[in-house]
Protein backbone atom coordinates (compact mmCIF):
# COMPACT_ATOMS: atom_id res chain seq x y z
CA UNK A 1 16.36 27.80 17.26
CA UNK A 2 13.23 29.99 17.13
CA UNK A 3 10.72 31.24 14.63
CA UNK A 4 9.87 27.96 12.94
CA UNK A 5 6.28 27.00 12.19
CA UNK A 6 4.58 23.70 12.91
CA UNK A 7 1.22 22.70 11.47
CA UNK A 8 -0.81 20.02 13.26
CA UNK A 9 -3.39 18.43 10.97
CA UNK A 10 -5.74 16.09 12.82
CA UNK A 11 -9.00 14.24 12.36
CA UNK A 12 -10.27 11.02 10.86
CA UNK A 13 -11.20 8.07 13.05
CA UNK A 14 -11.79 9.15 16.66
CA UNK A 15 -10.51 5.86 18.06
CA UNK A 16 -6.95 7.13 17.77
CA UNK A 17 -7.74 10.22 19.86
CA UNK A 18 -6.34 12.75 17.35
CA UNK A 19 -7.05 15.76 19.56
CA UNK A 20 -5.74 14.37 22.84
CA UNK A 21 -2.75 12.75 21.18
CA UNK A 22 -1.59 15.84 19.31
CA UNK A 23 -2.25 18.08 22.32
CA UNK A 24 0.35 16.04 24.18
CA UNK A 25 3.07 17.42 21.91
CA UNK A 26 1.94 21.03 21.54
CA UNK A 27 3.82 22.21 24.65
CA UNK A 28 6.96 20.41 23.49
CA UNK A 29 6.83 22.07 20.09
CA UNK A 30 6.29 25.46 21.69
CA UNK A 31 9.25 24.88 24.01
CA UNK A 32 11.36 24.10 20.95
CA UNK A 33 10.52 27.48 19.46
CA UNK A 34 7.74 26.52 17.03
CA UNK A 35 4.69 28.63 16.38
CA UNK A 36 1.99 25.96 16.31
CA UNK A 37 -1.09 26.10 14.12
CA UNK A 38 -3.84 23.46 14.30
CA UNK A 39 -6.15 22.50 11.44
CA UNK A 40 -9.00 19.99 11.55
CA UNK A 41 -9.02 19.51 7.76
CA UNK A 42 -6.30 18.33 5.41
CA UNK A 43 -7.47 20.84 2.79
CA UNK A 44 -4.90 23.19 4.27
CA UNK A 45 -2.35 21.19 2.27
CA UNK A 46 -3.76 22.75 -0.88
CA UNK A 47 -2.87 26.24 0.34
CA UNK A 48 0.55 26.82 -1.21
CA UNK A 49 1.21 29.95 0.84
CA UNK A 50 0.63 28.15 4.15
CA UNK A 51 2.71 25.19 3.04
CA UNK A 52 5.61 27.38 1.97
CA UNK A 53 5.94 28.85 5.45
CA UNK A 54 5.46 25.54 7.30
CA UNK A 55 8.61 23.84 8.60
CA UNK A 56 6.94 20.79 10.13
CA UNK A 57 3.63 19.01 9.57
CA UNK A 58 2.45 16.77 12.40
CA UNK A 59 -0.34 14.65 10.94
CA UNK A 60 -2.85 12.64 12.97
CA UNK A 61 -5.56 11.67 10.47
CA UNK A 62 -6.53 8.01 10.46
CA UNK A 63 -8.19 6.66 7.32
CA UNK A 64 -10.36 9.48 5.92
CA UNK A 65 -9.85 10.82 2.40
CA UNK A 66 -7.81 13.52 0.72
CA UNK A 67 -8.49 15.61 -2.37
CA UNK A 68 -6.19 15.63 -5.37
CA UNK A 69 -5.32 19.24 -4.68
CA UNK A 70 -4.46 18.52 -1.06
CA UNK A 71 -2.22 15.52 -1.73
CA UNK A 72 -0.45 17.41 -4.51
CA UNK A 73 0.11 20.29 -2.13
CA UNK A 74 1.43 17.99 0.57
CA UNK A 75 3.84 16.26 -1.78
CA UNK A 76 5.08 19.55 -3.18
CA UNK A 77 5.64 20.96 0.29
CA UNK A 78 7.65 17.97 1.49
CA UNK A 79 9.68 17.92 -1.70
CA UNK A 80 10.48 21.59 -1.11
CA UNK A 81 11.67 20.95 2.44
CA UNK A 82 8.67 20.84 4.79
CA UNK A 83 8.98 17.99 7.29
CA UNK A 84 6.19 15.44 7.70
CA UNK A 85 5.90 13.42 10.91
CA UNK A 86 3.40 11.32 12.80
CA UNK A 87 2.61 8.11 14.59
CA UNK A 88 0.42 5.04 14.30
CA UNK A 89 -2.67 5.29 12.10
CA UNK A 90 -2.46 9.07 11.95
CA UNK A 91 0.25 8.78 9.32
CA UNK A 92 0.63 5.07 8.49
CA UNK A 93 -3.09 4.43 7.91
CA UNK A 94 -4.15 7.66 6.25
CA UNK A 95 -5.90 8.14 2.91
CA UNK A 96 -5.97 4.49 1.85
CA UNK A 97 -7.32 5.47 -1.55
CA UNK A 98 -4.40 7.72 -2.48
CA UNK A 99 -1.42 5.95 -4.03
CA UNK A 100 0.39 9.30 -4.23
CA UNK A 101 0.17 9.66 -0.46
CA UNK A 102 1.30 6.07 0.11
CA UNK A 103 4.34 6.64 -2.08
CA UNK A 104 5.24 9.75 -0.11
CA UNK A 105 5.14 8.01 3.27
CA UNK A 106 6.66 4.70 2.18
CA UNK A 107 4.71 2.37 4.47
CA UNK A 108 1.07 1.44 4.97
CA UNK A 109 -0.76 -0.31 7.79
CA UNK A 110 -2.08 -3.70 6.69
CA UNK A 111 -3.37 -5.24 9.93
CA UNK A 112 -2.72 -5.72 13.61
CA UNK A 113 -2.85 -9.43 14.45
CA UNK A 114 -5.12 -10.32 17.33
CA UNK A 115 -4.90 -12.34 20.50
CA UNK A 116 -6.00 -15.96 20.63
CA UNK A 117 -9.74 -16.09 19.84
CA UNK A 118 -10.46 -17.51 23.31
CA UNK A 119 -8.76 -14.52 24.94
CA UNK A 120 -10.56 -11.69 23.15
CA UNK A 121 -12.88 -9.54 25.32
CA UNK A 122 -14.75 -8.17 22.30
CA UNK A 123 -13.35 -4.64 22.14
CA UNK A 124 -10.17 -2.94 20.94
CA UNK A 125 -8.17 -5.05 23.40
CA UNK A 126 -8.73 -8.00 21.03
CA UNK A 127 -5.68 -6.69 19.18
CA UNK A 128 -3.51 -5.82 22.18
CA UNK A 129 -0.42 -8.00 22.31
CA UNK A 130 2.83 -7.94 24.20
CA UNK A 131 5.50 -7.29 21.59
CA UNK A 132 9.02 -5.96 21.41
CA UNK A 133 10.20 -2.89 19.52
CA UNK A 134 13.74 -3.74 18.46
CA UNK A 135 16.19 -1.00 17.58
CA UNK A 136 18.13 -1.77 14.40
CA UNK A 137 21.86 -1.29 13.94
CA UNK A 138 21.10 1.90 12.04
CA UNK A 139 18.75 2.97 14.80
CA UNK A 140 21.44 2.61 17.43
CA UNK A 141 23.47 5.23 15.56
CA UNK A 142 20.63 7.52 14.49
CA UNK A 143 19.86 10.68 16.46
CA UNK A 144 16.19 9.71 16.82
CA UNK A 145 16.80 6.37 18.51
CA UNK A 146 20.40 6.48 19.77
CA UNK A 147 20.54 5.38 23.40
CA UNK A 148 17.05 3.84 23.30
CA UNK A 149 17.09 0.14 24.17
CA UNK A 150 14.67 -2.48 22.87
CA UNK A 151 11.39 -2.20 24.75
CA UNK A 152 8.11 -4.07 25.20
CA UNK A 153 4.64 -2.64 24.63
CA UNK A 154 1.17 -4.07 25.28
CA UNK A 155 -0.88 -2.51 22.50
CA UNK A 156 -1.59 -2.92 18.80
CA UNK A 157 1.34 -4.34 16.85
CA UNK A 158 1.29 -2.90 13.34
CA UNK A 159 1.92 -5.09 10.31
CA UNK A 160 3.21 -2.66 7.69
CA UNK A 161 3.62 -2.98 3.93
CA UNK A 162 6.60 -0.88 2.85
CA UNK A 163 9.20 -0.15 0.19
CA UNK A 164 12.99 -0.02 0.26
CA UNK A 165 13.35 3.76 0.26
CA UNK A 166 12.77 3.96 4.00
CA UNK A 167 15.53 3.87 6.61
CA UNK A 168 14.32 1.53 9.35
CA UNK A 169 15.32 2.53 12.87
CA UNK A 170 13.25 -0.09 14.71
CA UNK A 171 11.29 -3.23 13.85
CA UNK A 172 8.79 -5.57 15.43
CA UNK A 173 8.27 -9.25 14.64
CA UNK A 174 4.91 -10.96 14.23
CA UNK A 175 5.36 -14.61 15.28
CA UNK A 176 3.63 -17.59 13.78
CA UNK A 177 0.56 -18.77 15.69
CA UNK A 178 -1.66 -21.77 15.09
CA UNK A 179 -4.68 -19.46 14.82
CA UNK A 180 -3.10 -17.24 12.14
CA UNK A 181 -2.69 -18.21 8.47
CA UNK A 182 0.92 -17.13 7.86
CA UNK A 183 3.72 -19.68 8.00
CA UNK A 184 6.81 -17.81 9.14
CA UNK A 185 7.54 -14.77 11.31
CA UNK A 186 7.01 -11.37 9.69
CA UNK A 187 9.29 -8.45 10.49
CA UNK A 188 7.66 -5.02 10.13
CA UNK A 189 9.25 -1.58 10.43
CA UNK A 190 8.14 0.14 13.63
CA UNK A 191 10.08 3.39 13.27
CA UNK A 192 11.40 4.75 10.01
CA UNK A 193 12.59 7.85 8.22
CA UNK A 194 12.44 8.80 4.56
CA UNK A 195 14.10 11.49 2.50
CA UNK A 196 11.85 13.03 -0.15
CA UNK A 197 13.31 15.82 -2.23
CA UNK A 198 14.55 18.42 0.26
CA UNK A 199 12.12 17.14 2.90
CA UNK A 200 12.17 14.55 5.63
CA UNK A 201 9.46 12.09 6.70
CA UNK A 202 9.32 10.42 10.14
CA UNK A 203 6.94 7.60 11.11
CA UNK A 204 6.53 5.69 14.39
CA UNK A 205 3.89 2.95 14.41
CA UNK A 206 3.33 2.82 18.21
CA UNK A 207 0.76 5.34 19.41
CA UNK A 208 -2.70 3.76 19.47
CA UNK A 209 -3.67 5.74 22.57
CA UNK A 210 -2.27 8.68 24.53
CA UNK A 211 -1.20 6.14 27.15
CA UNK A 212 1.07 4.43 24.60
CA UNK A 213 2.46 7.79 23.50
CA UNK A 214 3.24 8.54 27.15
CA UNK A 215 5.54 5.51 27.37
CA UNK A 216 9.00 7.06 27.92
CA UNK A 217 10.54 5.16 25.00
CA UNK A 218 7.76 6.09 22.59
CA UNK A 219 7.60 9.69 23.69
CA UNK A 220 11.35 10.12 23.36
CA UNK A 221 11.33 8.66 19.86
CA UNK A 222 8.39 10.79 18.73
CA UNK A 223 9.78 14.03 20.14
CA UNK A 224 13.16 13.40 18.54
CA UNK A 225 11.45 12.41 15.31
CA UNK A 226 9.52 15.67 15.17
CA UNK A 227 12.70 17.67 15.54
CA UNK A 228 14.57 15.54 13.02
CA UNK A 229 11.87 15.94 10.37
CA UNK A 230 11.45 19.69 10.75
CA UNK A 231 13.09 21.94 8.21
CA UNK A 232 16.13 23.76 9.55
CA UNK A 233 17.41 27.06 8.14
C-alpha cells in the first residue's frame, strides 16, 4: 500500500519529548508507504485542504490549547475518514479546555498515582511505578494487540476518565494504598480504539519517554495502532 499521507502534529509540554518520540516512528511510516509531513502547530487542523488529503494524524501535543477552528477541523477530518492516533499525554492529555476534543478521543488523563512518599526522589520518578498492562479478551482477538501477552512497565501509570464508546484492548489496575485516598482498585483503559464517523481513533497510554516507547510490547502496539487507524482506500 503506497501513496498515503501521514501528518505528525507535535508540541506542547517538552517533558514528553514530542520531537524525539515522534521521530522514532517516522522511518516506520515511511517504510509503510506514507508520505510524512510534520507540523509544530495544531492550527494545521483548520486547513480543510490539508486535512482532506491526510490519511493518518499522529498527534503528540501534551496539554497546550487548540482554537475553535482547529478542533472543528480535526473533528470534521476524522468524521470524514482521517485516522487519529497517539500515545500517552500527546493524545490523552491534550487540550484540557476543549470538551469537543475530549469527546472525539473518548478518554482523558486524570492523574498518575505516585510512589510511597518516603520513596520519592523529588523528580518525575516520583510517579514511576511497576504496573501491568493487561490485554483484554477483545484485545486478544484484535489485530493491534493479538499475540501480545500481558507485560510489566516501570513508568507512569495513567488513570483515565473515559466513556463507553471506546473499545478497550488493554487495561491497567491502580491498587489501593494506605497513602492514597481511594478505597478500592481502579481499572483504567491502557489501549483503546474508537470509531468516529468514517474515521478511526487509536490511543495507547504508555509512552512517557522514548525509552518506554522502545519497549517491544509498546512499540508493537503503537506501530500496529498507527496502521489500524489510518484511512485505507
